[in-house]
Amino acid sequence: MCKNIVGMANINAQEFQNIAIPHPPIKVQLEYAQVLEGVRDAERPLQRALSEAESMFNPLVQRAFKGEL
């Protein structure tokens, strides 16, 4: 399938089209999408909290380096 030409692997378009790419059934894909959305929903408040913590921490560090604390 793959040929080496001067140290580079090469594959032609016909060989590429003949490669079977497995994919899960649509039901499994939809289940995965639901789980992923749930994870992302749970992650959003954590990302907001992290962003808020960073926005509070950075000025504190600046004040500490300036000797204001």
N, C-alpha and C. Protein backbone atom coordinates (compact mmCIF):
# COMPACT_ATOMS: atom_id res chain seq x y z
N MET A 1 0.83 -1.19 0.00
CA MET A 1 0.00 0.00 0.00
C MET A 1 0.88 1.25 0.00
N CYS A 2 1.70 1.40 0.99
CA CYS A 2 2.51 2.59 1.13
C CYS A 2 3.88 2.34 0.53
N LYS A 3 4.32 3.23 -0.34
CA LYS A 3 5.61 3.06 -1.00
C LYS A 3 6.58 4.11 -0.49
N ASN A 4 7.84 3.73 -0.37
CA ASN A 4 8.87 4.69 0.02
C ASN A 4 9.57 5.21 -1.22
N ILE A 5 9.59 6.50 -1.36
CA ILE A 5 10.29 7.14 -2.45
C ILE A 5 11.24 8.15 -1.82
N VAL A 6 12.52 7.90 -1.95
CA VAL A 6 13.55 8.77 -1.38
C VAL A 6 13.25 9.05 0.09
N GLY A 7 12.94 8.00 0.84
CA GLY A 7 12.74 8.16 2.27
C GLY A 7 11.38 8.71 2.67
N MET A 8 10.52 9.03 1.71
CA MET A 8 9.18 9.57 2.04
C MET A 8 8.12 8.53 1.72
N ALA A 9 7.17 8.36 2.63
CA ALA A 9 6.06 7.45 2.38
C ALA A 9 5.12 8.09 1.38
N ASN A 10 4.58 7.29 0.49
CA ASN A 10 3.70 7.81 -0.54
C ASN A 10 2.50 6.89 -0.69
N ILE A 11 1.33 7.46 -0.87
CA ILE A 11 0.12 6.68 -1.11
C ILE A 11 -0.67 7.41 -2.19
N ASN A 12 -1.19 6.67 -3.15
CA ASN A 12 -1.94 7.35 -4.21
C ASN A 12 -3.42 7.48 -3.83
N ALA A 13 -4.15 8.25 -4.59
CA ALA A 13 -5.55 8.56 -4.27
C ALA A 13 -6.42 7.31 -4.27
N GLN A 14 -6.19 6.40 -5.22
CA GLN A 14 -7.01 5.20 -5.28
C GLN A 14 -6.78 4.33 -4.04
N GLU A 15 -5.53 4.17 -3.63
CA GLU A 15 -5.24 3.40 -2.43
C GLU A 15 -5.89 4.06 -1.21
N PHE A 16 -5.85 5.37 -1.17
CA PHE A 16 -6.44 6.11 -0.06
C PHE A 16 -7.95 5.88 0.00
N GLN A 17 -8.60 5.90 -1.14
CA GLN A 17 -10.05 5.69 -1.19
C GLN A 17 -10.44 4.28 -0.78
N ASN A 18 -9.56 3.34 -0.97
CA ASN A 18 -9.86 1.93 -0.64
C ASN A 18 -9.66 1.60 0.83
N ILE A 19 -9.13 2.53 1.61
CA ILE A 19 -8.91 2.26 3.03
C ILE A 19 -10.25 2.33 3.76
N ALA A 20 -10.59 1.26 4.44
CA ALA A 20 -11.85 1.22 5.20
C ALA A 20 -11.64 1.92 6.54
N ILE A 21 -12.48 2.90 6.83
CA ILE A 21 -12.39 3.63 8.09
C ILE A 21 -13.59 3.22 8.94
N PRO A 22 -13.34 2.46 10.01
CA PRO A 22 -14.46 2.01 10.85
C PRO A 22 -15.06 3.18 11.64
N HIS A 23 -16.35 3.12 11.84
CA HIS A 23 -17.02 4.12 12.66
C HIS A 23 -18.15 3.43 13.43
N PRO A 24 -18.39 3.92 14.65
CA PRO A 24 -19.44 3.28 15.47
C PRO A 24 -20.83 3.58 14.91
N PRO A 25 -21.78 2.76 15.26
CA PRO A 25 -23.16 3.00 14.83
C PRO A 25 -23.66 4.36 15.35
N ILE A 26 -24.64 4.91 14.66
CA ILE A 26 -25.16 6.24 14.99
C ILE A 26 -25.67 6.30 16.43
N LYS A 27 -26.27 5.21 16.91
CA LYS A 27 -26.78 5.18 18.29
C LYS A 27 -25.64 5.40 19.28
N VAL A 28 -24.51 4.76 19.06
CA VAL A 28 -23.36 4.92 19.95
C VAL A 28 -22.81 6.33 19.83
N GLN A 29 -22.79 6.88 18.63
CA GLN A 29 -22.31 8.25 18.44
C GLN A 29 -23.18 9.25 19.20
N LEU A 30 -24.49 9.05 19.14
CA LEU A 30 -25.41 9.95 19.84
C LEU A 30 -25.27 9.83 21.36
N GLU A 31 -25.08 8.60 21.85
CA GLU A 31 -24.86 8.40 23.28
C GLU A 31 -23.58 9.12 23.73
N TYR A 32 -22.54 9.00 22.93
CA TYR A 32 -21.27 9.66 23.23
C TYR A 32 -21.47 11.18 23.26
N ALA A 33 -22.21 11.70 22.31
CA ALA A 33 -22.46 13.14 22.25
C ALA A 33 -23.19 13.62 23.51
N GLN A 34 -24.14 12.82 24.00
CA GLN A 34 -24.87 13.19 25.21
C GLN A 34 -23.94 13.19 26.43
N VAL A 35 -23.11 12.19 26.54
CA VAL A 35 -22.17 12.12 27.66
C VAL A 35 -21.20 13.30 27.59
N LEU A 36 -20.70 13.58 26.40
CA LEU A 36 -19.76 14.69 26.23
C LEU A 36 -20.41 16.02 26.61
N GLU A 37 -21.64 16.23 26.22
CA GLU A 37 -22.34 17.47 26.57
C GLU A 37 -22.50 17.58 28.08
N GLY A 38 -22.79 16.47 28.74
CA GLY A 38 -22.90 16.48 30.20
C GLY A 38 -21.58 16.86 30.85
N VAL A 39 -20.50 16.34 30.33
CA VAL A 39 -19.18 16.67 30.86
C VAL A 39 -18.89 18.16 30.66
N ARG A 40 -19.19 18.65 29.48
CA ARG A 40 -18.96 20.08 29.21
C ARG A 40 -19.83 20.97 30.08
N ASP A 41 -21.07 20.55 30.33
CA ASP A 41 -21.95 21.32 31.23
C ASP A 41 -21.36 21.37 32.63
N ALA A 42 -20.80 20.26 33.09
CA ALA A 42 -20.20 20.22 34.42
C ALA A 42 -18.90 21.03 34.47
N GLU A 43 -18.24 21.13 33.35
CA GLU A 43 -16.95 21.84 33.30
C GLU A 43 -17.11 23.36 33.31
N ARG A 44 -18.20 23.88 32.77
CA ARG A 44 -18.38 25.33 32.64
C ARG A 44 -18.25 26.08 33.97
N PRO A 45 -18.93 25.67 35.04
CA PRO A 45 -18.77 26.41 36.29
C PRO A 45 -17.34 26.34 36.83
N LEU A 46 -16.68 25.22 36.60
CA LEU A 46 -15.29 25.09 37.06
C LEU A 46 -14.39 26.04 36.29
N GLN A 47 -14.61 26.17 35.00
CA GLN A 47 -13.81 27.10 34.19
C GLN A 47 -14.05 28.54 34.63
N ARG A 48 -15.30 28.88 34.93
CA ARG A 48 -15.61 30.24 35.42
C ARG A 48 -14.92 30.50 36.75
N ALA A 49 -14.95 29.52 37.65
CA ALA A 49 -14.31 29.67 38.96
C ALA A 49 -12.80 29.82 38.80
N LEU A 50 -12.22 29.05 37.90
CA LEU A 50 -10.78 29.16 37.66
C LEU A 50 -10.42 30.53 37.11
N SER A 51 -11.21 31.01 36.18
CA SER A 51 -10.97 32.32 35.59
C SER A 51 -11.07 33.42 36.66
N GLU A 52 -12.07 33.31 37.52
CA GLU A 52 -12.24 34.29 38.59
C GLU A 52 -11.07 34.24 39.57
N ALA A 53 -10.64 33.05 39.91
CA ALA A 53 -9.51 32.90 40.83
C ALA A 53 -8.24 33.50 40.24
N GLU A 54 -8.01 33.26 38.95
CA GLU A 54 -6.84 33.83 38.29
C GLU A 54 -6.91 35.35 38.24
N SER A 55 -8.10 35.88 37.98
CA SER A 55 -8.23 37.33 37.91
C SER A 55 -8.03 37.98 39.28
N MET A 56 -8.28 37.25 40.35
CA MET A 56 -8.04 37.78 41.69
C MET A 56 -6.58 37.56 42.12
N PHE A 57 -5.97 36.48 41.66
CA PHE A 57 -4.62 36.13 42.06
C PHE A 57 -3.56 37.00 41.39
N ASN A 58 -3.73 37.29 40.11
CA ASN A 58 -2.72 38.04 39.37
C ASN A 58 -2.45 39.43 39.96
N PRO A 59 -3.46 40.22 40.30
CA PRO A 59 -3.15 41.52 40.92
C PRO A 59 -2.47 41.36 42.28
N LEU A 60 -2.83 40.31 43.00
CA LEU A 60 -2.21 40.06 44.30
C LEU A 60 -0.71 39.78 44.13
N VAL A 61 -0.36 39.00 43.14
CA VAL A 61 1.05 38.70 42.87
C VAL A 61 1.79 39.99 42.48
N GLN A 62 1.16 40.82 41.66
CA GLN A 62 1.79 42.08 41.26
C GLN A 62 2.06 42.96 42.48
N ARG A 63 1.09 43.05 43.37
CA ARG A 63 1.28 43.85 44.58
C ARG A 63 2.38 43.27 45.46
N ALA A 64 2.47 41.94 45.53
CA ALA A 64 3.50 41.31 46.33
C ALA A 64 4.89 41.61 45.77
N PHE A 65 5.05 41.57 44.46
CA PHE A 65 6.36 41.85 43.86
C PHE A 65 6.73 43.32 43.99
N LYS A 66 5.73 44.18 44.07
CA LYS A 66 6.01 45.62 44.26
C LYS A 66 6.30 45.93 45.73
N GLY A 67 6.13 44.97 46.60
CA GLY A 67 6.36 45.18 48.03
C GLY A 67 5.21 45.89 48.72
N GLU A 68 4.04 45.86 48.14
CA GLU A 68 2.89 46.54 48.72
C GLU A 68 2.16 45.67 49.74
N LEU A 69 2.57 44.45 49.91
CA LEU A 69 1.91 43.56 50.88
C LEU A 69 2.77 43.36 52.10
